[in-house]
PDB file of N, CA and C in Angstrom:
ATOM      1  N   MET A   1     191.865 -31.021 130.691  1.00  0.00           N
ATOM      2  CA  MET A   1     192.416 -32.209 131.318  1.00  0.00           C
ATOM      3  C   MET A   1     192.427 -32.032 132.832  1.00  0.00           C
ATOM      4  N   PRO A   2     192.134 -33.098 133.525  1.00  0.00           N
ATOM      5  CA  PRO A   2     192.200 -33.022 134.986  1.00  0.00           C
ATOM      6  C   PRO A   2     193.635 -32.777 135.452  1.00  0.00           C
ATOM      7  N   SER A   3     193.763 -32.052 136.544  1.00  0.00           N
ATOM      8  CA  SER A   3     195.101 -31.717 137.043  1.00  0.00           C
ATOM      9  C   SER A   3     195.885 -32.963 137.448  1.00  0.00           C
ATOM     10  N   ARG A   4     195.202 -34.011 137.849  1.00  0.00           N
ATOM     11  CA  ARG A   4     195.874 -35.256 138.226  1.00  0.00           C
ATOM     12  C   ARG A   4     196.579 -35.875 137.007  1.00  0.00           C
ATOM     13  N   LEU A   5     195.923 -35.839 135.855  1.00  0.00           N
ATOM     14  CA  LEU A   5     196.504 -36.365 134.625  1.00  0.00           C
ATOM     15  C   LEU A   5     197.698 -35.522 134.189  1.00  0.00           C
ATOM     16  N   ILE A   6     197.551 -34.222 134.255  1.00  0.00           N
ATOM     17  CA  ILE A   6     198.649 -33.324 133.892  1.00  0.00           C
ATOM     18  C   ILE A   6     199.844 -33.558 134.800  1.00  0.00           C
ATOM     19  N   SER A   7     199.601 -33.716 136.072  1.00  0.00           N
ATOM     20  CA  SER A   7     200.677 -33.984 137.021  1.00  0.00           C
ATOM     21  C   SER A   7     201.377 -35.299 136.700  1.00  0.00           C
ATOM     22  N   SER A   8     200.612 -36.304 136.322  1.00  0.00           N
ATOM     23  CA  SER A   8     201.176 -37.601 135.963  1.00  0.00           C
ATOM     24  C   SER A   8     202.037 -37.495 134.704  1.00  0.00           C
ATOM     25  N   ILE A   9     201.576 -36.734 133.734  1.00  0.00           N
ATOM     26  CA  ILE A   9     202.331 -36.539 132.497  1.00  0.00           C
ATOM     27  C   ILE A   9     203.652 -35.830 132.793  1.00  0.00           C
ATOM     28  N   HIS A  10     203.601 -34.777 133.600  1.00  0.00           N
ATOM     29  CA  HIS A  10     204.822 -34.049 133.964  1.00  0.00           C
ATOM     30  C   HIS A  10     205.798 -34.954 134.706  1.00  0.00           C
ATOM     31  N   SER A  11     205.291 -35.770 135.579  1.00  0.00           N
ATOM     32  CA  SER A  11     206.131 -36.694 136.337  1.00  0.00           C
ATOM     33  C   SER A  11     206.810 -37.698 135.410  1.00  0.00           C
ATOM     34  N   THR A  12     206.066 -38.215 134.451  1.00  0.00           N
ATOM     35  CA  THR A  12     206.623 -39.171 133.489  1.00  0.00           C
ATOM     36  C   THR A  12     207.708 -38.514 132.641  1.00  0.00           C
ATOM     37  N   ILE A  13     207.467 -37.307 132.197  1.00  0.00           N
ATOM     38  CA  ILE A  13     208.452 -36.580 131.395  1.00  0.00           C
ATOM     39  C   ILE A  13     209.709 -36.306 132.214  1.00  0.00           C
ATOM     40  N   ASP A  14     209.540 -35.916 133.469  1.00  0.00           N
ATOM     41  CA  ASP A  14     210.690 -35.670 134.338  1.00  0.00           C
ATOM     42  C   ASP A  14     211.526 -36.929 134.534  1.00  0.00           C
ATOM     43  N   ARG A  15     210.879 -38.067 134.729  1.00  0.00           N
ATOM     44  CA  ARG A  15     211.606 -39.331 134.905  1.00  0.00           C
ATOM     45  C   ARG A  15     212.355 -39.698 133.626  1.00  0.00           C
ATOM     46  N   TYR A  16     211.704 -39.526 132.491  1.00  0.00           N
ATOM     47  CA  TYR A  16     212.349 -39.818 131.209  1.00  0.00           C
ATOM     48  C   TYR A  16     213.581 -38.930 131.011  1.00  0.00           C
ATOM     49  N   ALA A  17     213.444 -37.648 131.297  1.00  0.00           N
ATOM     50  CA  ALA A  17     214.563 -36.719 131.137  1.00  0.00           C
ATOM     51  C   ALA A  17     215.719 -37.091 132.060  1.00  0.00           C
ATOM     52  N   LYS A  18     215.420 -37.515 133.271  1.00  0.00           N
ATOM     53  CA  LYS A  18     216.465 -37.926 134.212  1.00  0.00           C
ATOM     54  C   LYS A  18     217.197 -39.159 133.696  1.00  0.00           C
ATOM     55  N   ILE A  19     216.462 -40.129 133.181  1.00  0.00           N
ATOM     56  CA  ILE A  19     217.080 -41.348 132.647  1.00  0.00           C
ATOM     57  C   ILE A  19     217.978 -41.012 131.457  1.00  0.00           C
ATOM     58  N   GLU A  20     217.495 -40.180 130.540  1.00  0.00           N
ATOM     59  CA  GLU A  20     218.295 -39.806 129.372  1.00  0.00           C
ATOM     60  C   GLU A  20     219.546 -39.040 129.789  1.00  0.00           C
ATOM     61  N   THR A  21     219.427 -38.168 130.769  1.00  0.00           N
ATOM     62  CA  THR A  21     220.579 -37.427 131.272  1.00  0.00           C
ATOM     63  C   THR A  21     221.615 -38.377 131.846  1.00  0.00           C
ATOM     64  N   GLU A  22     221.165 -39.341 132.632  1.00  0.00           N
ATOM     65  CA  GLU A  22     222.083 -40.324 133.214  1.00  0.00           C
ATOM     66  C   GLU A  22     222.766 -41.152 132.128  1.00  0.00           C
ATOM     67  N   ARG A  23     222.042 -41.527 131.089  1.00  0.00           N
ATOM     68  CA  ARG A  23     222.640 -42.289 129.986  1.00  0.00           C
ATOM     69  C   ARG A  23     223.725 -41.476 129.292  1.00  0.00           C
ATOM     70  N   LEU A  24     223.450 -40.203 129.032  1.00  0.00           N
ATOM     71  CA  LEU A  24     224.432 -39.355 128.365  1.00  0.00           C
ATOM     72  C   LEU A  24     225.660 -39.113 129.240  1.00  0.00           C
ATOM     73  N   ILE A  25     225.467 -38.955 130.537  1.00  0.00           N
ATOM     74  CA  ILE A  25     226.595 -38.797 131.456  1.00  0.00           C
ATOM     75  C   ILE A  25     227.455 -40.055 131.442  1.00  0.00           C
ATOM     76  N   PHE A  26     226.818 -41.221 131.469  1.00  0.00           N
ATOM     77  CA  PHE A  26     227.563 -42.480 131.422  1.00  0.00           C
ATOM     78  C   PHE A  26     228.385 -42.566 130.142  1.00  0.00           C
ATOM     79  N   ILE A  27     227.773 -42.231 129.024  1.00  0.00           N
ATOM     80  CA  ILE A  27     228.474 -42.289 127.739  1.00  0.00           C
ATOM     81  C   ILE A  27     229.662 -41.332 127.742  1.00  0.00           C
ATOM     82  N   ARG A  28     229.459 -40.119 128.249  1.00  0.00           N
ATOM     83  CA  ARG A  28     230.540 -39.129 128.267  1.00  0.00           C
ATOM     84  C   ARG A  28     231.694 -39.580 129.150  1.00  0.00           C
ATOM     85  N   LEU A  29     231.389 -40.164 130.306  1.00  0.00           N
ATOM     86  CA  LEU A  29     232.427 -40.557 131.256  1.00  0.00           C
ATOM     87  C   LEU A  29     233.096 -41.882 130.910  1.00  0.00           C
ATOM     88  N   ASN A  30     232.533 -42.649 130.006  1.00  0.00           N
ATOM     89  CA  ASN A  30     233.063 -43.970 129.686  1.00  0.00           C
ATOM     90  C   ASN A  30     233.435 -44.112 128.219  1.00  0.00           C
ATOM     91  N   GLN A  31     233.923 -43.044 127.624  1.00  0.00           N
ATOM     92  CA  GLN A  31     234.272 -43.074 126.208  1.00  0.00           C
ATOM     93  C   GLN A  31     235.308 -44.154 125.896  1.00  0.00           C
ATOM     94  N   THR A  32     236.312 -44.332 126.741  1.00  0.00           N
ATOM     95  CA  THR A  32     237.336 -45.340 126.446  1.00  0.00           C
ATOM     96  C   THR A  32     236.774 -46.746 126.563  1.00  0.00           C
ATOM     97  N   LYS A  33     235.883 -46.964 127.499  1.00  0.00           N
ATOM     98  CA  LYS A  33     235.272 -48.283 127.651  1.00  0.00           C
ATOM     99  C   LYS A  33     234.344 -48.607 126.485  1.00  0.00           C
ATOM    100  N   LEU A  34     233.816 -47.592 125.862  1.00  0.00           N
ATOM    101  CA  LEU A  34     232.890 -47.783 124.743  1.00  0.00           C
ATOM    102  C   LEU A  34     233.629 -47.855 123.406  1.00  0.00           C
ATOM    103  N   LEU A  35     234.933 -48.025 123.467  1.00  0.00           N
ATOM    104  CA  LEU A  35     235.782 -48.193 122.284  1.00  0.00           C
ATOM    105  C   LEU A  35     235.773 -46.986 121.350  1.00  0.00           C
ATOM    106  N   SER A  36     235.588 -45.812 121.911  1.00  0.00           N
ATOM    107  CA  SER A  36     235.560 -44.620 121.066  1.00  0.00           C
ATOM    108  C   SER A  36     236.936 -44.277 120.516  1.00  0.00           C
ATOM    109  N   GLU A  37     238.000 -44.872 121.079  1.00  0.00           N
ATOM    110  CA  GLU A  37     239.325 -44.585 120.533  1.00  0.00           C
ATOM    111  C   GLU A  37     239.459 -45.098 119.103  1.00  0.00           C
ATOM    112  N   GLU A  38     238.605 -46.008 118.703  1.00  0.00           N
ATOM    113  CA  GLU A  38     238.619 -46.482 117.321  1.00  0.00           C
ATOM    114  C   GLU A  38     238.169 -45.393 116.348  1.00  0.00           C
ATOM    115  N   TYR A  39     237.579 -44.351 116.882  1.00  0.00           N
ATOM    116  CA  TYR A  39     237.122 -43.240 116.051  1.00  0.00           C
ATOM    117  C   TYR A  39     238.132 -42.097 116.060  1.00  0.00           C
ATOM    118  N   GLY A  40     239.394 -42.418 116.251  1.00  0.00           N
ATOM    119  CA  GLY A  40     240.445 -41.403 116.321  1.00  0.00           C
ATOM    120  C   GLY A  40     240.492 -40.523 115.092  1.00  0.00           C
ATOM    121  N   HIS A  41     240.286 -41.112 113.912  1.00  0.00           N
ATOM    122  CA  HIS A  41     240.303 -40.321 112.679  1.00  0.00           C
ATOM    123  C   HIS A  41     239.182 -39.285 112.672  1.00  0.00           C
ATOM    124  N   LEU A  42     238.061 -39.623 113.254  1.00  0.00           N
ATOM    125  CA  LEU A  42     236.956 -38.669 113.346  1.00  0.00           C
ATOM    126  C   LEU A  42     237.320 -37.530 114.293  1.00  0.00           C
ATOM    127  N   ARG A  43     237.914 -37.886 115.425  1.00  0.00           N
ATOM    128  CA  ARG A  43     238.331 -36.883 116.409  1.00  0.00           C
ATOM    129  C   ARG A  43     239.358 -35.936 115.782  1.00  0.00           C
ATOM    130  N   GLU A  44     240.319 -36.480 115.051  1.00  0.00           N
ATOM    131  CA  GLU A  44     241.336 -35.653 114.402  1.00  0.00           C
ATOM    132  C   GLU A  44     240.703 -34.697 113.397  1.00  0.00           C
ATOM    133  N   ALA A  45     239.733 -35.159 112.658  1.00  0.00           N
ATOM    134  CA  ALA A  45     239.061 -34.306 111.674  1.00  0.00           C
ATOM    135  C   ALA A  45     238.355 -33.142 112.358  1.00  0.00           C
ATOM    136  N   VAL A  46     237.746 -33.406 113.491  1.00  0.00           N
ATOM    137  CA  VAL A  46     237.049 -32.341 114.221  1.00  0.00           C
ATOM    138  C   VAL A  46     238.053 -31.357 114.803  1.00  0.00           C
ATOM    139  N   VAL A  47     239.150 -31.876 115.359  1.00  0.00           N
ATOM    140  CA  VAL A  47     240.164 -31.013 115.976  1.00  0.00           C
ATOM    141  C   VAL A  47     240.807 -30.099 114.937  1.00  0.00           C
ATOM    142  N   HIS A  48     241.067 -30.606 113.744  1.00  0.00           N
ATOM    143  CA  HIS A  48     241.766 -29.831 112.725  1.00  0.00           C
ATOM    144  C   HIS A  48     240.828 -29.041 111.816  1.00  0.00           C
ATOM    145  N   ASP A  49     239.554 -29.070 112.101  1.00  0.00           N
ATOM    146  CA  ASP A  49     238.587 -28.298 111.319  1.00  0.00           C
ATOM    147  C   ASP A  49     238.692 -26.833 111.730  1.00  0.00           C
ATOM    148  N   ASP A  50     238.776 -25.941 110.758  1.00  0.00           N
ATOM    149  CA  ASP A  50     238.899 -24.514 111.054  1.00  0.00           C
ATOM    150  C   ASP A  50     237.558 -23.849 111.326  1.00  0.00           C
ATOM    151  N   ASN A  51     236.490 -24.588 111.260  1.00  0.00           N
ATOM    152  CA  ASN A  51     235.159 -24.035 111.479  1.00  0.00           C
ATOM    153  C   ASN A  51     234.960 -23.793 112.969  1.00  0.00           C
ATOM    154  N   SER A  52     234.853 -22.540 113.371  1.00  0.00           N
ATOM    155  CA  SER A  52     234.754 -22.209 114.792  1.00  0.00           C
ATOM    156  C   SER A  52     233.393 -22.542 115.395  1.00  0.00           C
ATOM    157  N   THR A  53     232.445 -22.983 114.583  1.00  0.00           N
ATOM    158  CA  THR A  53     231.142 -23.355 115.141  1.00  0.00           C
ATOM    159  C   THR A  53     231.196 -24.711 115.825  1.00  0.00           C
ATOM    160  N   ASN A  54     232.263 -25.477 115.592  1.00  0.00           N
ATOM    161  CA  ASN A  54     232.421 -26.786 116.231  1.00  0.00           C
ATOM    162  C   ASN A  54     233.133 -26.624 117.570  1.00  0.00           C
ATOM    163  N   VAL A  55     232.488 -25.945 118.490  1.00  0.00           N
ATOM    164  CA  VAL A  55     233.072 -25.692 119.798  1.00  0.00           C
ATOM    165  C   VAL A  55     232.447 -26.645 120.799  1.00  0.00           C
ATOM    166  N   GLY A  56     233.254 -27.128 121.720  1.00  0.00           N
ATOM    167  CA  GLY A  56     232.735 -28.021 122.751  1.00  0.00           C
ATOM    168  C   GLY A  56     233.563 -29.277 122.850  1.00  0.00           C
ATOM    169  N   ARG A  57     233.002 -30.266 123.477  1.00  0.00           N
ATOM    170  CA  ARG A  57     233.717 -31.519 123.684  1.00  0.00           C
ATOM    171  C   ARG A  57     233.130 -32.591 122.779  1.00  0.00           C
ATOM    172  N   LEU A  58     234.004 -33.308 122.098  1.00  0.00           N
ATOM    173  CA  LEU A  58     233.568 -34.388 121.226  1.00  0.00           C
ATOM    174  C   LEU A  58     233.172 -35.585 122.077  1.00  0.00           C
ATOM    175  N   THR A  59     231.952 -36.033 121.928  1.00  0.00           N
ATOM    176  CA  THR A  59     231.472 -37.238 122.593  1.00  0.00           C
ATOM    177  C   THR A  59     230.834 -38.100 121.528  1.00  0.00           C
ATOM    178  N   ILE A  60     231.356 -39.297 121.363  1.00  0.00           N
ATOM    179  CA  ILE A  60     230.844 -40.204 120.344  1.00  0.00           C
ATOM    180  C   ILE A  60     229.755 -41.062 120.960  1.00  0.00           C
ATOM    181  N   LEU A  61     228.563 -40.968 120.407  1.00  0.00           N
ATOM    182  CA  LEU A  61     227.443 -41.754 120.910  1.00  0.00           C
ATOM    183  C   LEU A  61     227.467 -43.138 120.280  1.00  0.00           C
ATOM    184  N   PRO A  62     227.296 -44.171 121.084  1.00  0.00           N
ATOM    185  CA  PRO A  62     227.253 -45.520 120.522  1.00  0.00           C
ATOM    186  C   PRO A  62     225.981 -45.721 119.706  1.00  0.00           C
ATOM    187  N   SER A  63     226.007 -46.688 118.817  1.00  0.00           N
ATOM    188  CA  SER A  63     224.840 -46.946 117.980  1.00  0.00           C
ATOM    189  C   SER A  63     223.639 -47.386 118.804  1.00  0.00           C
ATOM    190  N   SER A  64     223.876 -47.841 120.020  1.00  0.00           N
ATOM    191  CA  SER A  64     222.778 -48.276 120.883  1.00  0.00           C
ATOM    192  C   SER A  64     222.011 -47.103 121.480  1.00  0.00           C
ATOM    193  N   TYR A  65     222.528 -45.876 121.327  1.00  0.00           N
ATOM    194  CA  TYR A  65     221.835 -44.711 121.866  1.00  0.00           C
ATOM    195  C   TYR A  65     220.664 -44.374 120.954  1.00  0.00           C
ATOM    196  N   THR A  66     219.454 -44.610 121.434  1.00  0.00           N
ATOM    197  CA  THR A  66     218.264 -44.489 120.590  1.00  0.00           C
ATOM    198  C   THR A  66     217.839 -43.054 120.322  1.00  0.00           C
ATOM    199  N   GLY A  67     218.429 -42.096 120.970  1.00  0.00           N
ATOM    200  CA  GLY A  67     218.078 -40.709 120.719  1.00  0.00           C
ATOM    201  C   GLY A  67     218.926 -40.068 119.636  1.00  0.00           C
ATOM    202  N   SER A  68     219.803 -40.846 119.016  1.00  0.00           N
ATOM    203  CA  SER A  68     220.705 -40.292 118.017  1.00  0.00           C
ATOM    204  C   SER A  68     219.980 -40.094 116.682  1.00  0.00           C
ATOM    205  N   PRO A  69     220.518 -39.220 115.824  1.00  0.00           N
ATOM    206  CA  PRO A  69     219.864 -38.946 114.543  1.00  0.00           C
ATOM    207  C   PRO A  69     219.659 -40.180 113.669  1.00  0.00           C
ATOM    208  N   GLN A  70     220.532 -41.184 113.776  1.00  0.00           N
ATOM    209  CA  GLN A  70     220.369 -42.366 112.920  1.00  0.00           C
ATOM    210  C   GLN A  70     219.078 -43.115 113.211  1.00  0.00           C
ATOM    211  N   HIS A  71     218.516 -42.942 114.392  1.00  0.00           N
ATOM    212  CA  HIS A  71     217.256 -43.601 114.727  1.00  0.00           C
ATOM    213  C   HIS A  71     216.042 -42.782 114.292  1.00  0.00           C
ATOM    214  N   MET A  72     216.287 -41.607 113.762  1.00  0.00           N
ATOM    215  CA  MET A  72     215.190 -40.745 113.338  1.00  0.00           C
ATOM    216  C   MET A  72     214.810 -40.978 111.882  1.00  0.00           C
ATOM    217  N   HIS A  73     215.627 -41.713 111.140  1.00  0.00           N
ATOM    218  CA  HIS A  73     215.372 -41.923 109.702  1.00  0.00           C
ATOM    219  C   HIS A  73     214.955 -43.340 109.441  1.00  0.00           C
TER     220      HIS A  73
END
């Protein structure tokens, strides 16, 4: 492949990654605006789970997030 094409592909991938990162940051910072408090029972289940592999911060992705597993099936 010509180096110009490879450079264009890398540039496109970088732009896509930046957009996805910005979307995820928005979702994380706006959980209350996205009505995630309605998922309180889910949050409680995660908090009270004794499985130590569930480490980190709970962020509920809206159904409009196209990178979520539900869009893969």
